[in-house]
Amino acid sequence: SLKPEDTAIYYCNMNMGSIYWGKGTLVT
């Protein structure tokens, strides 16, 4: 049920003691 306001770059994040981020994927 995606909405136009969901448009964004989506980043994943994992806490393994240190925090890691992905580079993102665009959802339009």
PDB file of all heavy atoms in Angstrom:
ATOM      1  N   SER A   1       0.831  -1.214   0.000  1.00  0.00           N
ATOM      2  CA  SER A   1       0.000   0.000   0.000  1.00  0.00           C
ATOM      3  C   SER A   1       0.858   1.254   0.000  1.00  0.00           C
ATOM      4  O   SER A   1       0.641   2.190   0.778  1.00  0.00           O
ATOM      5  CB  SER A   1      -0.927   0.005   1.234  1.00  0.00           C
ATOM      6  OG  SER A   1      -1.740  -1.150   1.250  1.00  0.00           O
ATOM      7  N   LEU A   2       1.830   1.264  -0.888  1.00  0.00           N
ATOM      8  CA  LEU A   2       2.776   2.368  -0.922  1.00  0.00           C
ATOM      9  C   LEU A   2       2.097   3.672  -1.316  1.00  0.00           C
ATOM     10  O   LEU A   2       1.167   3.688  -2.128  1.00  0.00           O
ATOM     11  CB  LEU A   2       3.915   2.044  -1.878  1.00  0.00           C
ATOM     12  CG  LEU A   2       4.954   1.065  -1.293  1.00  0.00           C
ATOM     13  CD1 LEU A   2       5.780   0.422  -2.386  1.00  0.00           C
ATOM     14  CD2 LEU A   2       5.853   1.795  -0.305  1.00  0.00           C
ATOM     15  N   LYS A   3       2.598   4.754  -0.723  1.00  0.00           N
ATOM     16  CA  LYS A   3       2.071   6.091  -0.947  1.00  0.00           C
ATOM     17  C   LYS A   3       3.174   6.983  -1.522  1.00  0.00           C
ATOM     18  O   LYS A   3       4.362   6.715  -1.288  1.00  0.00           O
ATOM     19  CB  LYS A   3       1.591   6.697   0.371  1.00  0.00           C
ATOM     20  CG  LYS A   3       0.587   5.846   1.122  1.00  0.00           C
ATOM     21  CD  LYS A   3       0.278   6.467   2.481  1.00  0.00           C
ATOM     22  CE  LYS A   3      -0.692   5.615   3.268  1.00  0.00           C
ATOM     23  NZ  LYS A   3      -0.997   6.207   4.597  1.00  0.00           N
ATOM     24  N   PRO A   4       2.813   8.048  -2.211  1.00  0.00           N
ATOM     25  CA  PRO A   4       3.851   8.956  -2.727  1.00  0.00           C
ATOM     26  C   PRO A   4       4.784   9.460  -1.623  1.00  0.00           C
ATOM     27  O   PRO A   4       5.987   9.654  -1.869  1.00  0.00           O
ATOM     28  CB  PRO A   4       3.033  10.096  -3.333  1.00  0.00           C
ATOM     29  CG  PRO A   4       1.756   9.433  -3.765  1.00  0.00           C
ATOM     30  CD  PRO A   4       1.477   8.406  -2.693  1.00  0.00           C
ATOM     31  N   GLU A   5       4.266   9.620  -0.429  1.00  0.00           N
ATOM     32  CA  GLU A   5       5.108  10.106   0.673  1.00  0.00           C
ATOM     33  C   GLU A   5       6.104   9.067   1.177  1.00  0.00           C
ATOM     34  O   GLU A   5       6.944   9.371   2.022  1.00  0.00           O
ATOM     35  CB  GLU A   5       4.258  10.615   1.843  1.00  0.00           C
ATOM     36  CG  GLU A   5       3.187   9.658   2.314  1.00  0.00           C
ATOM     37  CD  GLU A   5       1.829   9.970   1.706  1.00  0.00           C
ATOM     38  OE1 GLU A   5       1.757  10.246   0.477  1.00  0.00           O
ATOM     39  OE2 GLU A   5       0.833   9.910   2.464  1.00  0.00           O
ATOM     40  N   ASP A   6       6.015   7.854   0.664  1.00  0.00           N
ATOM     41  CA  ASP A   6       7.025   6.828   0.989  1.00  0.00           C
ATOM     42  C   ASP A   6       8.255   6.965   0.090  1.00  0.00           C
ATOM     43  O   ASP A   6       9.249   6.261   0.306  1.00  0.00           O
ATOM     44  CB  ASP A   6       6.437   5.423   0.821  1.00  0.00           C
ATOM     45  CG  ASP A   6       5.338   5.129   1.833  1.00  0.00           C
ATOM     46  OD1 ASP A   6       5.508   5.484   3.011  1.00  0.00           O
ATOM     47  OD2 ASP A   6       4.323   4.527   1.421  1.00  0.00           O
ATOM     48  N   THR A   7       8.191   7.834  -0.882  1.00  0.00           N
ATOM     49  CA  THR A   7       9.335   8.053  -1.776  1.00  0.00           C
ATOM     50  C   THR A   7      10.536   8.543  -0.974  1.00  0.00           C
ATOM     51  O   THR A   7      10.450   9.537  -0.254  1.00  0.00           O
ATOM     52  CB  THR A   7       8.978   9.087  -2.854  1.00  0.00           C
ATOM     53  OG1 THR A   7       7.951   8.548  -3.695  1.00  0.00           O
ATOM     54  CG2 THR A   7      10.196   9.426  -3.703  1.00  0.00           C
ATOM     55  N   ALA A   8      11.645   7.824  -1.101  1.00  0.00           N
ATOM     56  CA  ALA A   8      12.846   8.147  -0.337  1.00  0.00           C
ATOM     57  C   ALA A   8      13.967   7.199  -0.724  1.00  0.00           C
ATOM     58  O   ALA A   8      13.738   6.201  -1.412  1.00  0.00           O
ATOM     59  CB  ALA A   8      12.581   8.029   1.167  1.00  0.00           C
ATOM     60  N   ILE A   9      15.151   7.516  -0.255  1.00  0.00           N
ATOM     61  CA  ILE A   9      16.247   6.545  -0.288  1.00  0.00           C
ATOM     62  C   ILE A   9      16.154   5.745   0.999  1.00  0.00           C
ATOM     63  O   ILE A   9      16.097   6.335   2.090  1.00  0.00           O
ATOM     64  CB  ILE A   9      17.612   7.230  -0.404  1.00  0.00           C
ATOM     65  CG1 ILE A   9      17.691   8.042  -1.704  1.00  0.00           C
ATOM     66  CG2 ILE A   9      18.723   6.185  -0.370  1.00  0.00           C
ATOM     67  CD1 ILE A   9      18.952   8.866  -1.841  1.00  0.00           C
ATOM     68  N   TYR A  10      16.128   4.446   0.861  1.00  0.00           N
ATOM     69  CA  TYR A  10      16.007   3.555   2.005  1.00  0.00           C
ATOM     70  C   TYR A  10      17.375   2.960   2.325  1.00  0.00           C
ATOM     71  O   TYR A  10      18.046   2.403   1.447  1.00  0.00           O
ATOM     72  CB  TYR A  10      14.994   2.447   1.725  1.00  0.00           C
ATOM     73  CG  TYR A  10      13.570   2.940   1.821  1.00  0.00           C
ATOM     74  CD1 TYR A  10      13.044   3.793   0.851  1.00  0.00           C
ATOM     75  CD2 TYR A  10      12.750   2.586   2.887  1.00  0.00           C
ATOM     76  CE1 TYR A  10      11.747   4.270   0.937  1.00  0.00           C
ATOM     77  CE2 TYR A  10      11.446   3.051   2.985  1.00  0.00           C
ATOM     78  CZ  TYR A  10      10.952   3.903   2.012  1.00  0.00           C
ATOM     79  OH  TYR A  10       9.657   4.378   2.107  1.00  0.00           O
ATOM     80  N   TYR A  11      17.760   3.079   3.592  1.00  0.00           N
ATOM     81  CA  TYR A  11      19.055   2.597   4.060  1.00  0.00           C
ATOM     82  C   TYR A  11      18.861   1.495   5.087  1.00  0.00           C
ATOM     83  O   TYR A  11      18.014   1.608   5.976  1.00  0.00           O
ATOM     84  CB  TYR A  11      19.837   3.722   4.736  1.00  0.00           C
ATOM     85  CG  TYR A  11      20.150   4.901   3.864  1.00  0.00           C
ATOM     86  CD1 TYR A  11      19.262   5.977   3.770  1.00  0.00           C
ATOM     87  CD2 TYR A  11      21.344   4.972   3.142  1.00  0.00           C
ATOM     88  CE1 TYR A  11      19.552   7.073   2.976  1.00  0.00           C
ATOM     89  CE2 TYR A  11      21.634   6.066   2.344  1.00  0.00           C
ATOM     90  CZ  TYR A  11      20.734   7.105   2.271  1.00  0.00           C
ATOM     91  OH  TYR A  11      21.028   8.194   1.480  1.00  0.00           O
ATOM     92  N   CYS A  12      19.664   0.449   4.982  1.00  0.00           N
ATOM     93  CA  CYS A  12      19.636  -0.544   6.047  1.00  0.00           C
ATOM     94  C   CYS A  12      20.749  -0.252   7.038  1.00  0.00           C
ATOM     95  O   CYS A  12      21.737   0.400   6.712  1.00  0.00           O
ATOM     96  CB  CYS A  12      19.708  -1.965   5.508  1.00  0.00           C
ATOM     97  SG  CYS A  12      21.308  -2.452   4.895  1.00  0.00           S
ATOM     98  N   ASN A  13      20.570  -0.769   8.225  1.00  0.00           N
ATOM     99  CA  ASN A  13      21.425  -0.472   9.366  1.00  0.00           C
ATOM    100  C   ASN A  13      21.516  -1.732  10.209  1.00  0.00           C
ATOM    101  O   ASN A  13      20.518  -2.405  10.420  1.00  0.00           O
ATOM    102  CB  ASN A  13      20.770   0.683  10.141  1.00  0.00           C
ATOM    103  CG  ASN A  13      21.300   0.859  11.539  1.00  0.00           C
ATOM    104  OD1 ASN A  13      21.053   0.021  12.418  1.00  0.00           O
ATOM    105  ND2 ASN A  13      21.982   1.945  11.775  1.00  0.00           N
ATOM    106  N   MET A  14      22.727  -2.055  10.636  1.00  0.00           N
ATOM    107  CA  MET A  14      22.896  -3.214  11.517  1.00  0.00           C
ATOM    108  C   MET A  14      23.824  -2.852  12.667  1.00  0.00           C
ATOM    109  O   MET A  14      24.871  -2.218  12.452  1.00  0.00           O
ATOM    110  CB  MET A  14      23.457  -4.409  10.753  1.00  0.00           C
ATOM    111  CG  MET A  14      22.520  -4.938   9.683  1.00  0.00           C
ATOM    112  SD  MET A  14      23.086  -6.511   9.014  1.00  0.00           S
ATOM    113  CE  MET A  14      21.900  -6.760   7.675  1.00  0.00           C
ATOM    114  N   ASN A  15      23.420  -3.259  13.852  1.00  0.00           N
ATOM    115  CA  ASN A  15      24.215  -3.050  15.054  1.00  0.00           C
ATOM    116  C   ASN A  15      24.910  -4.366  15.404  1.00  0.00           C
ATOM    117  O   ASN A  15      24.259  -5.337  15.781  1.00  0.00           O
ATOM    118  CB  ASN A  15      23.320  -2.596  16.204  1.00  0.00           C
ATOM    119  CG  ASN A  15      24.107  -2.348  17.477  1.00  0.00           C
ATOM    120  OD1 ASN A  15      25.304  -2.592  17.552  1.00  0.00           O
ATOM    121  ND2 ASN A  15      23.418  -1.853  18.485  1.00  0.00           N
ATOM    122  N   MET A  16      26.241  -4.349  15.245  1.00  0.00           N
ATOM    123  CA  MET A  16      27.023  -5.545  15.549  1.00  0.00           C
ATOM    124  C   MET A  16      28.017  -5.223  16.659  1.00  0.00           C
ATOM    125  O   MET A  16      29.113  -5.790  16.720  1.00  0.00           O
ATOM    126  CB  MET A  16      27.775  -6.013  14.298  1.00  0.00           C
ATOM    127  CG  MET A  16      26.885  -6.254  13.106  1.00  0.00           C
ATOM    128  SD  MET A  16      27.838  -6.765  11.655  1.00  0.00           S
ATOM    129  CE  MET A  16      26.612  -6.600  10.359  1.00  0.00           C
ATOM    130  N   GLY A  17      27.622  -4.256  17.510  1.00  0.00           N
ATOM    131  CA  GLY A  17      28.558  -3.689  18.460  1.00  0.00           C
ATOM    132  C   GLY A  17      29.029  -2.361  17.876  1.00  0.00           C
ATOM    133  O   GLY A  17      29.024  -1.335  18.548  1.00  0.00           O
ATOM    134  N   SER A  18      29.398  -2.380  16.649  1.00  0.00           N
ATOM    135  CA  SER A  18      29.580  -1.179  15.831  1.00  0.00           C
ATOM    136  C   SER A  18      28.372  -1.074  14.916  1.00  0.00           C
ATOM    137  O   SER A  18      27.724  -2.076  14.595  1.00  0.00           O
ATOM    138  CB  SER A  18      30.867  -1.295  15.007  1.00  0.00           C
ATOM    139  OG  SER A  18      31.997  -1.342  15.853  1.00  0.00           O
ATOM    140  N   ILE A  19      28.099   0.155  14.486  1.00  0.00           N
ATOM    141  CA  ILE A  19      26.944   0.397  13.617  1.00  0.00           C
ATOM    142  C   ILE A  19      27.404   0.461  12.171  1.00  0.00           C
ATOM    143  O   ILE A  19      28.367   1.167  11.852  1.00  0.00           O
ATOM    144  CB  ILE A  19      26.246   1.719  13.981  1.00  0.00           C
ATOM    145  CG1 ILE A  19      25.840   1.731  15.456  1.00  0.00           C
ATOM    146  CG2 ILE A  19      25.039   1.953  13.080  1.00  0.00           C
ATOM    147  CD1 ILE A  19      24.822   0.680  15.805  1.00  0.00           C
ATOM    148  N   TYR A  20      26.713  -0.261  11.319  1.00  0.00           N
ATOM    149  CA  TYR A  20      27.037  -0.260   9.895  1.00  0.00           C
ATOM    150  C   TYR A  20      25.816   0.172   9.088  1.00  0.00           C
ATOM    151  O   TYR A  20      24.673  -0.141   9.452  1.00  0.00           O
ATOM    152  CB  TYR A  20      27.491  -1.649   9.446  1.00  0.00           C
ATOM    153  CG  TYR A  20      28.762  -2.090  10.117  1.00  0.00           C
ATOM    154  CD1 TYR A  20      28.726  -2.873  11.270  1.00  0.00           C
ATOM    155  CD2 TYR A  20      30.010  -1.711   9.618  1.00  0.00           C
ATOM    156  CE1 TYR A  20      29.886  -3.270  11.899  1.00  0.00           C
ATOM    157  CE2 TYR A  20      31.183  -2.108  10.242  1.00  0.00           C
ATOM    158  CZ  TYR A  20      31.111  -2.885  11.380  1.00  0.00           C
ATOM    159  OH  TYR A  20      32.267  -3.264  12.006  1.00  0.00           O
ATOM    160  N   TRP A  21      26.090   0.864   7.988  1.00  0.00           N
ATOM    161  CA  TRP A  21      25.046   1.364   7.097  1.00  0.00           C
ATOM    162  C   TRP A  21      25.300   0.894   5.669  1.00  0.00           C
ATOM    163  O   TRP A  21      26.446   0.797   5.229  1.00  0.00           O
ATOM    164  CB  TRP A  21      25.040   2.895   7.085  1.00  0.00           C
ATOM    165  CG  TRP A  21      24.585   3.533   8.349  1.00  0.00           C
ATOM    166  CD1 TRP A  21      25.361   3.899   9.406  1.00  0.00           C
ATOM    167  CD2 TRP A  21      23.254   3.905   8.683  1.00  0.00           C
ATOM    168  NE1 TRP A  21      24.587   4.477  10.379  1.00  0.00           N
ATOM    169  CE2 TRP A  21      23.281   4.497   9.954  1.00  0.00           C
ATOM    170  CE3 TRP A  21      22.019   3.811   8.019  1.00  0.00           C
ATOM    171  CZ2 TRP A  21      22.134   4.980  10.598  1.00  0.00           C
ATOM    172  CZ3 TRP A  21      20.888   4.289   8.652  1.00  0.00           C
ATOM    173  CH2 TRP A  21      20.952   4.870   9.932  1.00  0.00           C
ATOM    174  N   GLY A  22      24.215   0.656   4.957  1.00  0.00           N
ATOM    175  CA  GLY A  22      24.322   0.452   3.530  1.00  0.00           C
ATOM    176  C   GLY A  22      24.341   1.790   2.815  1.00  0.00           C
ATOM    177  O   GLY A  22      24.184   2.837   3.440  1.00  0.00           O
ATOM    178  N   LYS A  23      24.505   1.739   1.501  1.00  0.00           N
ATOM    179  CA  LYS A  23      24.575   2.976   0.720  1.00  0.00           C
ATOM    180  C   LYS A  23      23.214   3.456   0.257  1.00  0.00           C
ATOM    181  O   LYS A  23      23.088   4.559  -0.267  1.00  0.00           O
ATOM    182  CB  LYS A  23      25.510   2.768  -0.484  1.00  0.00           C
ATOM    183  CG  LYS A  23      26.962   2.560  -0.075  1.00  0.00           C
ATOM    184  CD  LYS A  23      27.869   2.439  -1.292  1.00  0.00           C
ATOM    185  CE  LYS A  23      29.320   2.290  -0.849  1.00  0.00           C
ATOM    186  NZ  LYS A  23      30.237   2.182  -2.005  1.00  0.00           N
ATOM    187  N   GLY A  24      22.205   2.631   0.441  1.00  0.00           N
ATOM    188  CA  GLY A  24      20.845   3.046   0.130  1.00  0.00           C
ATOM    189  C   GLY A  24      20.320   2.542  -1.194  1.00  0.00           C
ATOM    190  O   GLY A  24      21.088   2.265  -2.119  1.00  0.00           O
ATOM    191  N   THR A  25      18.994   2.442  -1.249  1.00  0.00           N
ATOM    192  CA  THR A  25      18.309   2.085  -2.487  1.00  0.00           C
ATOM    193  C   THR A  25      17.096   3.002  -2.636  1.00  0.00           C
ATOM    194  O   THR A  25      16.379   3.251  -1.668  1.00  0.00           O
ATOM    195  CB  THR A  25      17.898   0.601  -2.491  1.00  0.00           C
ATOM    196  OG1 THR A  25      17.330   0.259  -3.758  1.00  0.00           O
ATOM    197  CG2 THR A  25      16.900   0.273  -1.390  1.00  0.00           C
ATOM    198  N   LEU A  26      16.903   3.521  -3.836  1.00  0.00           N
ATOM    199  CA  LEU A  26      15.857   4.512  -4.063  1.00  0.00           C
ATOM    200  C   LEU A  26      14.514   3.850  -4.315  1.00  0.00           C
ATOM    201  O   LEU A  26      14.397   2.956  -5.163  1.00  0.00           O
ATOM    202  CB  LEU A  26      16.236   5.401  -5.250  1.00  0.00           C
ATOM    203  CG  LEU A  26      15.210   6.459  -5.665  1.00  0.00           C
ATOM    204  CD1 LEU A  26      14.998   7.469  -4.543  1.00  0.00           C
ATOM    205  CD2 LEU A  26      15.665   7.160  -6.946  1.00  0.00           C
ATOM    206  N   VAL A  27      13.522   4.310  -3.584  1.00  0.00           N
ATOM    207  CA  VAL A  27      12.133   3.895  -3.805  1.00  0.00           C
ATOM    208  C   VAL A  27      11.342   5.127  -4.244  1.00  0.00           C
ATOM    209  O   VAL A  27      11.333   6.138  -3.538  1.00  0.00           O
ATOM    210  CB  VAL A  27      11.518   3.308  -2.518  1.00  0.00           C
ATOM    211  CG1 VAL A  27      10.021   3.057  -2.701  1.00  0.00           C
ATOM    212  CG2 VAL A  27      12.224   2.021  -2.137  1.00  0.00           C
ATOM    213  N   THR A  28      10.720   5.020  -5.391  1.00  0.00           N
ATOM    214  CA  THR A  28       9.913   6.119  -5.912  1.00  0.00           C
ATOM    215  C   THR A  28       8.487   5.628  -6.100  1.00  0.00           C
ATOM    216  O   THR A  28       8.254   4.641  -6.816  1.00  0.00           O
ATOM    217  CB  THR A  28      10.459   6.629  -7.248  1.00  0.00           C
ATOM    218  OG1 THR A  28      11.816   7.029  -7.095  1.00  0.00           O
ATOM    219  CG2 THR A  28       9.642   7.814  -7.750  1.00  0.00           C
TER     220      THR A  28
END
